[in-house]
Amino acid sequence: PAGRQIYVNGVEVASETTSATANTWGDNYAFVLWADATGANNWLGKVRFAAIYDRVMTPAQILQNYDAGVGEKRFLLFDVGNINGVDPGSYIMFEVSQFDTYSYLFYNPVFINLDTAWTPAASIPIKGMRIGINGRLATLGQAYAPINTSITAASYDSTTGQNLSTIGTIIPLENGPDSDEFFLSFEVIGNETNSYTEVDPAAPPRAEPVAGPDIGLRTFEEINTTMSDLTGVPITNAAISGANGTYTVYKQQFPSVENVTTFLSSHQMAIAQLAMTYCDELVSNRGTITRAAYFPGVNFSAALPADRSAIIDPLLTRMVNVDSAVPANNLTSQPAESDLRAELNSLMDTMCASTACTTGARTIQVATGACAVALGSATMLIQ
């Protein structure tokens, strides 16, 4: 019987047995890895190695392959036998593989002499080993520069040599495996020395800090709390924070940071929606402050009063902190009271021109609109 076994890190984690075998396949069958036969549903990972064998592998063989790793590995031998103080036939050997599209992996440097009968007659110092590529030292990956050791008869093994480091390093790929050429440089090897000065990278140009704005934005939760305080409508009101409440629906569309340069038109749309809801709840008498107490001079069962200050004055006093009786309360950076009053009057003119303001229902609509304009203004948003 055939089947499949799945191994993770050399350990079997799942298996499946079936009576089907591969020798029943027809010539028109397709063998596809990591996608459908149509080319759709591509797997988004990276395949480092794939192999097909003519027999079922044993768990020991699978573990052996796992321990060996994937990808093509090469042993690079750097001849150091012609250096004064180093015996002929001596090499520095690396395990090297192409790590990815952009780099090589150098691993397990070993000093070894190809003469299996050779042993060092005297100590051979090795210090400050660096890897070069295409005629110059690599700018990155010099993990073997700290090496400071000696090859001695006591530490050298005639079969495996003497390991110089247990770590690996990444060297940037330049022209590709068939074209790149490597060499080694040493501060000390045998009787030769080569003074090496570590060059610090040039300091990046100093960027002068950019002064930030003197003002900021209220963020989403601050906007909600401020509107609640200015209107007297609780933030727990169902139209505000219920399952389909305006704040619930638009919460993620409000400013999330205080930086005024991040303000978007979508933020203003959400603010306008929330301001309209708060004002609708206020004028519809669903707040902790009644509309009669908020607008004491307005009869919401009658036509819009000719003296619109009965609506405008409470809005300017409560929402914009404008008080004609106490001018010192007015912020110097906000529009003048006369300009604010003119804007609200113009809005009411527009609303009454489209539909006559002769009924209580229209008075409620006009008062709600004026309230939303004042509440959603920059005076509420800027801090």
Protein backbone atom coordinates (compact mmCIF):
# COMPACT_ATOMS: atom_id res chain seq x y z
CA PRO A 1 0.00 0.00 0.00
CA ALA A 2 1.05 3.57 -0.69
CA GLY A 3 0.37 6.70 1.28
CA ARG A 4 2.02 9.74 2.67
CA GLN A 5 3.89 10.72 5.78
CA ILE A 6 4.50 14.28 6.87
CA TYR A 7 7.66 15.07 8.80
CA VAL A 8 8.39 18.39 10.53
CA ASN A 9 12.01 18.98 11.56
CA GLY A 10 12.76 15.28 11.02
CA VAL A 11 9.85 14.06 13.16
CA GLU A 12 6.73 12.37 11.73
CA VAL A 13 3.60 14.34 12.59
CA ALA A 14 0.95 12.77 10.29
CA SER A 15 0.46 9.78 8.01
CA GLU A 16 -2.12 8.39 5.59
CA THR A 17 -2.38 4.98 3.89
CA THR A 18 -4.04 4.32 0.52
CA SER A 19 -4.22 1.42 -1.93
CA ALA A 20 -3.39 3.66 -4.91
CA THR A 21 0.11 3.54 -6.37
CA ALA A 22 2.01 5.87 -8.67
CA ASN A 23 2.63 3.16 -11.31
CA THR A 24 -1.06 3.37 -12.34
CA TRP A 25 -0.62 6.92 -13.61
CA GLY A 26 -1.22 7.61 -17.28
CA ASP A 27 1.06 9.49 -19.64
CA ASN A 28 -1.35 12.43 -19.63
CA TYR A 29 -1.20 12.89 -15.85
CA ALA A 30 0.44 16.05 -14.47
CA PHE A 31 2.57 16.15 -11.37
CA VAL A 32 2.27 19.60 -9.78
CA LEU A 33 3.82 21.02 -6.62
CA TRP A 34 2.56 24.10 -4.74
CA ALA A 35 -0.25 24.99 -7.19
CA ASP A 36 -3.19 23.63 -9.15
CA ALA A 37 -2.62 22.12 -12.62
CA THR A 38 -4.24 25.28 -14.00
CA GLY A 39 -1.59 27.42 -12.33
CA ALA A 40 -4.09 28.86 -9.85
CA ASN A 41 -3.91 28.84 -6.05
CA ASN A 42 -0.16 29.27 -5.90
CA TRP A 43 1.48 28.59 -2.57
CA LEU A 44 2.96 31.82 -1.23
CA GLY A 45 5.97 30.28 0.53
CA LYS A 46 9.40 29.50 -0.88
CA VAL A 47 10.56 26.04 -1.96
CA ARG A 48 14.22 25.63 -1.01
CA PHE A 49 14.54 22.01 -2.12
CA ALA A 50 12.45 19.28 -3.79
CA ALA A 51 13.51 15.70 -4.61
CA ILE A 52 11.83 12.53 -5.96
CA TYR A 53 13.12 9.10 -4.90
CA ASP A 54 12.37 5.66 -6.36
CA ARG A 55 11.70 4.12 -2.97
CA VAL A 56 10.13 4.88 0.38
CA MET A 57 12.64 6.54 2.67
CA THR A 58 13.13 5.27 6.19
CA PRO A 59 12.75 7.59 9.19
CA ALA A 60 16.54 7.45 9.65
CA GLN A 61 17.10 8.58 6.05
CA ILE A 62 14.59 11.39 6.42
CA LEU A 63 16.34 12.60 9.56
CA GLN A 64 19.69 12.35 7.78
CA ASN A 65 18.41 14.55 4.95
CA TYR A 66 16.95 17.03 7.43
CA ASP A 67 20.25 17.30 9.28
CA ALA A 68 22.06 17.86 5.98
CA GLY A 69 19.84 20.85 5.20
CA VAL A 70 18.64 22.09 1.83
CA GLY A 71 20.19 23.86 -1.10
CA GLU A 72 23.47 23.33 -2.92
CA LYS A 73 26.49 23.41 -0.63
CA ARG A 74 30.08 23.81 -1.71
CA PHE A 75 33.36 23.53 0.13
CA LEU A 76 35.60 26.49 -0.68
CA LEU A 77 39.32 25.92 -0.08
CA PHE A 78 41.49 29.03 0.30
CA ASP A 79 45.18 28.17 -0.16
CA VAL A 80 47.31 29.65 2.66
CA GLY A 81 50.22 27.23 2.27
CA ASN A 82 52.37 29.77 0.41
CA ILE A 83 52.36 32.24 3.33
CA ASN A 84 55.53 32.60 5.40
CA GLY A 85 55.15 30.56 8.55
CA VAL A 86 52.40 28.29 7.17
CA ASP A 87 53.25 24.85 5.80
CA PRO A 88 52.47 23.96 2.14
CA GLY A 89 49.20 22.10 1.58
CA SER A 90 47.39 24.19 4.21
CA TYR A 91 43.97 25.63 3.49
CA ILE A 92 41.12 27.52 5.12
CA MET A 93 37.95 25.59 4.22
CA PHE A 94 34.39 27.01 4.33
CA GLU A 95 30.99 25.44 3.76
CA VAL A 96 29.29 27.87 1.36
CA SER A 97 25.79 27.94 -0.12
CA GLN A 98 23.66 30.50 -1.86
CA PHE A 99 21.39 31.62 0.95
CA ASP A 100 18.83 33.47 -1.17
CA THR A 101 18.62 35.66 -4.26
CA TYR A 102 20.81 38.31 -2.66
CA SER A 103 23.44 36.59 -0.51
CA TYR A 104 25.79 33.70 0.28
CA LEU A 105 26.00 31.80 3.57
CA PHE A 106 29.56 31.14 4.79
CA TYR A 107 29.79 28.62 7.62
CA ASN A 108 32.19 26.51 9.68
CA PRO A 109 35.68 27.80 8.73
CA VAL A 110 38.33 25.11 9.30
CA PHE A 111 42.12 25.17 9.02
CA ILE A 112 43.19 21.91 7.36
CA ASN A 113 46.26 20.44 5.67
CA LEU A 114 45.60 17.94 2.89
CA ASP A 115 48.50 15.78 4.09
CA THR A 116 46.84 13.48 6.64
CA ALA A 117 50.23 12.82 8.23
CA TRP A 118 50.90 16.52 8.81
CA THR A 119 50.87 18.12 12.23
CA PRO A 120 51.98 21.67 12.99
CA ALA A 121 55.59 21.73 14.14
CA ALA A 122 55.11 25.20 15.60
CA SER A 123 52.15 27.33 16.58
CA ILE A 124 50.55 29.11 13.59
CA PRO A 125 48.72 32.29 14.73
CA ILE A 126 45.57 33.39 12.89
CA LYS A 127 43.91 36.69 13.71
CA GLY A 128 41.40 39.06 12.10
CA MET A 129 40.16 36.94 9.17
CA ARG A 130 37.94 38.77 6.68
CA ILE A 131 36.17 37.69 3.48
CA GLY A 132 36.67 39.56 0.21
CA ILE A 133 34.60 39.40 -2.94
CA ASN A 134 35.57 40.50 -6.45
CA GLY A 135 38.78 42.25 -5.40
CA ARG A 136 37.64 44.07 -2.26
CA LEU A 137 36.60 43.26 1.26
CA ALA A 138 32.89 42.76 1.73
CA THR A 139 31.27 45.74 3.43
CA LEU A 140 28.93 43.47 5.39
CA GLY A 141 29.15 40.09 7.11
CA GLN A 142 32.68 40.22 8.53
CA ALA A 143 31.77 37.93 11.43
CA TYR A 144 35.23 36.32 11.51
CA ALA A 145 37.18 39.53 12.14
CA PRO A 146 37.28 38.83 15.92
CA ILE A 147 39.10 35.48 15.41
CA ASN A 148 42.33 35.34 17.42
CA THR A 149 43.62 31.78 17.73
CA SER A 150 46.57 29.51 16.92
CA ILE A 151 46.92 26.20 15.11
CA THR A 152 48.83 23.87 17.41
CA ALA A 153 49.68 20.18 17.55
CA ALA A 154 47.42 19.82 20.60
CA SER A 155 44.34 21.37 18.95
CA TYR A 156 44.78 20.18 15.34
CA ASP A 157 43.12 16.94 14.16
CA SER A 158 44.73 15.29 11.13
CA THR A 159 41.32 14.12 9.84
CA THR A 160 39.01 17.06 10.47
CA GLY A 161 41.48 19.92 10.87
CA GLN A 162 40.97 22.69 13.41
CA ASN A 163 37.71 24.61 13.56
CA LEU A 164 38.17 28.38 13.63
CA SER A 165 34.59 29.42 14.40
CA THR A 166 31.17 27.86 14.96
CA ILE A 167 29.15 30.74 13.56
CA GLY A 168 27.95 31.52 10.05
CA THR A 169 27.78 34.82 8.22
CA ILE A 170 26.02 36.34 5.22
CA ILE A 171 28.00 37.93 2.37
CA PRO A 172 26.06 39.99 -0.21
CA LEU A 173 25.83 38.41 -3.67
CA GLU A 174 27.11 40.59 -6.52
CA ASN A 175 27.40 38.82 -9.90
CA GLY A 176 26.10 35.34 -9.06
CA PRO A 177 27.63 31.97 -8.07
CA ASP A 178 29.27 31.43 -11.46
CA SER A 179 31.00 34.82 -11.52
CA ASP A 180 31.74 36.01 -7.99
CA GLU A 181 35.31 35.40 -6.78
CA PHE A 182 36.30 35.27 -3.11
CA PHE A 183 39.51 35.74 -1.15
CA LEU A 184 40.57 35.97 2.50
CA SER A 185 42.46 38.70 4.30
CA PHE A 186 44.19 38.34 7.70
CA GLU A 187 45.60 40.76 10.22
CA VAL A 188 47.98 37.99 11.31
CA ILE A 189 48.65 34.57 9.78
CA GLY A 190 51.88 32.63 10.29
CA ASN A 191 54.76 35.12 10.21
CA GLU A 192 52.87 37.70 8.15
CA THR A 193 50.99 40.71 9.51
CA ASN A 194 48.69 43.17 7.80
CA SER A 195 47.61 46.19 9.79
CA TYR A 196 43.89 46.78 9.39
CA THR A 197 42.12 49.95 10.48
CA GLU A 198 38.41 49.71 11.05
CA VAL A 199 36.80 52.63 9.25
CA ASP A 200 33.73 54.01 10.93
CA PRO A 201 30.89 54.74 8.53
CA ALA A 202 30.32 58.38 7.72
CA ALA A 203 27.89 60.03 10.05
CA PRO A 204 24.57 60.74 8.36
CA PRO A 205 23.85 64.41 7.75
CA ARG A 206 22.19 66.04 10.70
CA ALA A 207 18.61 66.85 10.00
CA GLU A 208 17.31 69.92 11.75
CA PRO A 209 14.14 69.13 13.68
CA VAL A 210 11.00 70.42 12.08
CA ALA A 211 8.88 72.45 14.41
CA GLY A 212 5.51 70.84 14.99
CA PRO A 213 2.19 72.69 14.91
CA ASP A 214 1.24 74.65 18.01
CA ILE A 215 -2.24 73.16 17.92
CA GLY A 216 -3.54 69.61 17.89
CA LEU A 217 -6.72 67.64 17.33
CA ARG A 218 -9.03 66.03 19.78
CA THR A 219 -9.00 62.30 19.14
CA PHE A 220 -12.03 60.03 18.75
CA GLU A 221 -12.82 59.49 22.44
CA GLU A 222 -12.15 63.15 23.28
CA ILE A 223 -14.49 64.30 20.50
CA ASN A 224 -17.26 62.05 21.77
CA THR A 225 -16.85 63.19 25.38
CA THR A 226 -16.65 66.87 24.40
CA MET A 227 -19.82 66.72 22.31
CA SER A 228 -21.61 64.98 25.16
CA ASP A 229 -20.52 67.69 27.59
CA LEU A 230 -21.50 70.55 25.26
CA THR A 231 -24.99 69.20 24.51
CA GLY A 232 -25.85 67.42 27.75
CA VAL A 233 -26.60 64.20 25.85
CA PRO A 234 -25.00 61.19 27.60
CA ILE A 235 -22.41 59.21 25.66
CA THR A 236 -24.42 56.12 26.67
CA ASN A 237 -27.37 57.32 24.57
CA ALA A 238 -28.43 54.50 22.22
CA ALA A 239 -28.29 56.76 19.16
CA ILE A 240 -24.66 57.55 20.05
CA SER A 241 -23.07 54.36 21.36
CA GLY A 242 -25.69 51.70 20.77
CA ALA A 243 -25.10 48.76 18.44
CA ASN A 244 -25.95 50.95 15.43
CA GLY A 245 -25.14 54.27 17.09
CA THR A 246 -23.33 56.98 15.16
CA TYR A 247 -20.21 56.83 17.34
CA THR A 248 -20.15 53.02 17.15
CA VAL A 249 -20.44 53.07 13.35
CA TYR A 250 -18.01 55.94 12.68
CA LYS A 251 -15.55 55.44 15.55
CA GLN A 252 -12.67 54.34 13.33
CA GLN A 253 -13.24 57.26 10.98
CA PHE A 254 -12.41 59.89 13.62
CA PRO A 255 -8.88 61.26 14.16
CA SER A 256 -6.75 58.79 16.13
CA VAL A 257 -3.70 61.04 16.67
CA GLU A 258 -3.43 64.65 17.78
CA ASN A 259 -1.21 65.79 14.88
CA VAL A 260 -3.25 68.39 13.00
CA THR A 261 -1.42 67.66 9.73
CA THR A 262 -3.07 64.22 9.63
CA PHE A 263 -6.60 65.65 9.42
CA LEU A 264 -8.60 64.32 6.45
CA SER A 265 -11.92 65.20 4.87
CA SER A 266 -13.20 61.78 5.99
CA HIS A 267 -12.59 62.86 9.58
CA GLN A 268 -14.78 65.92 9.08
CA MET A 269 -17.57 63.80 7.58
CA ALA A 270 -17.62 61.58 10.68
CA ILE A 271 -17.55 64.62 12.98
CA ALA A 272 -20.49 66.16 11.09
CA GLN A 273 -22.50 62.92 11.43
CA LEU A 274 -21.83 62.69 15.17
CA ALA A 275 -22.59 66.39 15.73
CA MET A 276 -25.92 66.02 13.93
CA THR A 277 -26.86 63.01 16.08
CA TYR A 278 -25.99 64.77 19.35
CA CYS A 279 -27.94 67.87 18.31
CA ASP A 280 -30.92 65.81 17.18
CA GLU A 281 -31.02 64.11 20.57
CA LEU A 282 -30.70 67.49 22.34
CA VAL A 283 -33.43 69.26 20.36
CA SER A 284 -35.64 66.15 20.56
CA ASN A 285 -35.48 66.37 24.39
CA ARG A 286 -33.47 63.17 24.93
CA GLY A 287 -30.57 64.75 26.82
CA THR A 288 -30.03 65.45 30.50
CA ILE A 289 -30.56 69.14 29.67
CA THR A 290 -34.02 69.84 28.24
CA ARG A 291 -34.23 71.86 25.06
CA ALA A 292 -36.32 74.41 26.95
CA ALA A 293 -33.47 74.92 29.39
CA TYR A 294 -30.90 74.96 26.59
CA PHE A 295 -32.90 77.36 24.37
CA PRO A 296 -35.13 79.24 26.89
CA GLY A 297 -36.38 81.77 24.33
CA VAL A 298 -37.59 79.28 21.71
CA ASN A 299 -41.06 77.74 21.41
CA PHE A 300 -40.44 74.50 19.55
CA SER A 301 -44.15 74.09 18.85
CA ALA A 302 -44.35 77.34 16.88
CA ALA A 303 -42.72 78.96 13.87
CA LEU A 304 -39.07 79.95 14.00
CA PRO A 305 -38.82 83.13 16.05
CA ALA A 306 -37.97 86.29 14.15
CA ASP A 307 -35.23 86.98 16.70
CA ARG A 308 -32.85 84.16 15.84
CA SER A 309 -30.55 85.11 18.67
CA ALA A 310 -32.74 82.88 20.87
CA ILE A 311 -31.11 79.95 19.05
CA ILE A 312 -27.74 81.49 18.18
CA ASP A 313 -26.82 82.95 21.59
CA PRO A 314 -27.04 79.64 23.54
CA LEU A 315 -25.01 77.88 20.85
CA LEU A 316 -22.26 80.53 20.85
CA THR A 317 -22.15 80.64 24.63
CA ARG A 318 -22.10 76.90 25.29
CA MET A 319 -20.25 75.51 22.26
CA VAL A 320 -17.93 78.29 21.10
CA ASN A 321 -17.39 80.04 24.44
CA VAL A 322 -18.52 83.36 22.94
CA ASP A 323 -20.12 85.74 25.41
CA SER A 324 -20.83 89.27 24.27
CA ALA A 325 -21.22 90.29 27.89
CA VAL A 326 -17.76 88.94 28.80
CA PRO A 327 -15.49 89.45 25.76
CA ALA A 328 -12.45 88.28 27.72
CA ASN A 329 -13.80 84.71 27.48
CA ASN A 330 -13.40 84.73 23.70
CA LEU A 331 -10.33 83.00 22.27
CA THR A 332 -8.12 85.33 20.23
CA SER A 333 -7.49 82.58 17.66
CA GLN A 334 -11.14 81.82 16.88
CA PRO A 335 -13.44 83.68 14.46
CA ALA A 336 -15.04 86.89 15.66
CA GLU A 337 -18.48 86.65 17.22
CA SER A 338 -19.95 88.71 14.40
CA ASP A 339 -18.62 86.27 11.80
CA LEU A 340 -19.99 83.26 13.68
CA ARG A 341 -23.38 84.90 14.09
CA ALA A 342 -23.46 85.80 10.38
CA GLU A 343 -22.67 82.19 9.35
CA LEU A 344 -25.45 80.74 11.50
CA ASN A 345 -27.89 83.36 10.25
CA SER A 346 -26.94 82.53 6.66
CA LEU A 347 -27.56 78.83 7.33
CA MET A 348 -31.01 79.58 8.71
CA ASP A 349 -31.78 81.81 5.70
CA THR A 350 -30.87 78.95 3.38
CA MET A 351 -32.96 76.41 5.30
CA CYS A 352 -35.99 78.69 5.48
CA ALA A 353 -35.70 79.54 1.77
CA SER A 354 -35.99 75.88 0.80
CA THR A 355 -38.86 75.13 3.21
CA ALA A 356 -40.81 77.79 5.05
CA CYS A 357 -40.01 77.94 8.77
CA THR A 358 -43.61 78.31 9.83
CA THR A 359 -44.14 75.15 11.85
CA GLY A 360 -42.76 73.68 15.04
CA ALA A 361 -41.36 70.70 13.11
CA ARG A 362 -39.36 73.07 10.88
CA THR A 363 -38.15 75.03 13.92
CA ILE A 364 -36.77 71.79 15.36
CA GLN A 365 -34.99 71.01 12.07
CA VAL A 366 -33.45 74.50 11.82
CA ALA A 367 -32.32 74.49 15.44
CA THR A 368 -30.79 71.03 14.98
CA GLY A 369 -28.90 72.16 11.86
CA ALA A 370 -27.53 75.30 13.53
CA CYS A 371 -26.54 73.26 16.57
CA ALA A 372 -24.66 70.72 14.42
CA VAL A 373 -22.73 73.49 12.63
CA ALA A 374 -21.59 75.04 15.91
CA LEU A 375 -20.86 71.70 17.58
CA GLY A 376 -18.87 70.28 14.68
CA SER A 377 -16.72 73.37 14.28
CA ALA A 378 -12.97 73.71 14.77
CA THR A 379 -13.56 75.23 18.22
CA MET A 380 -14.65 71.80 19.42
CA LEU A 381 -12.03 69.89 17.42
CA ILE A 382 -8.87 71.95 17.99
CA GLN A 383 -6.98 71.82 21.25
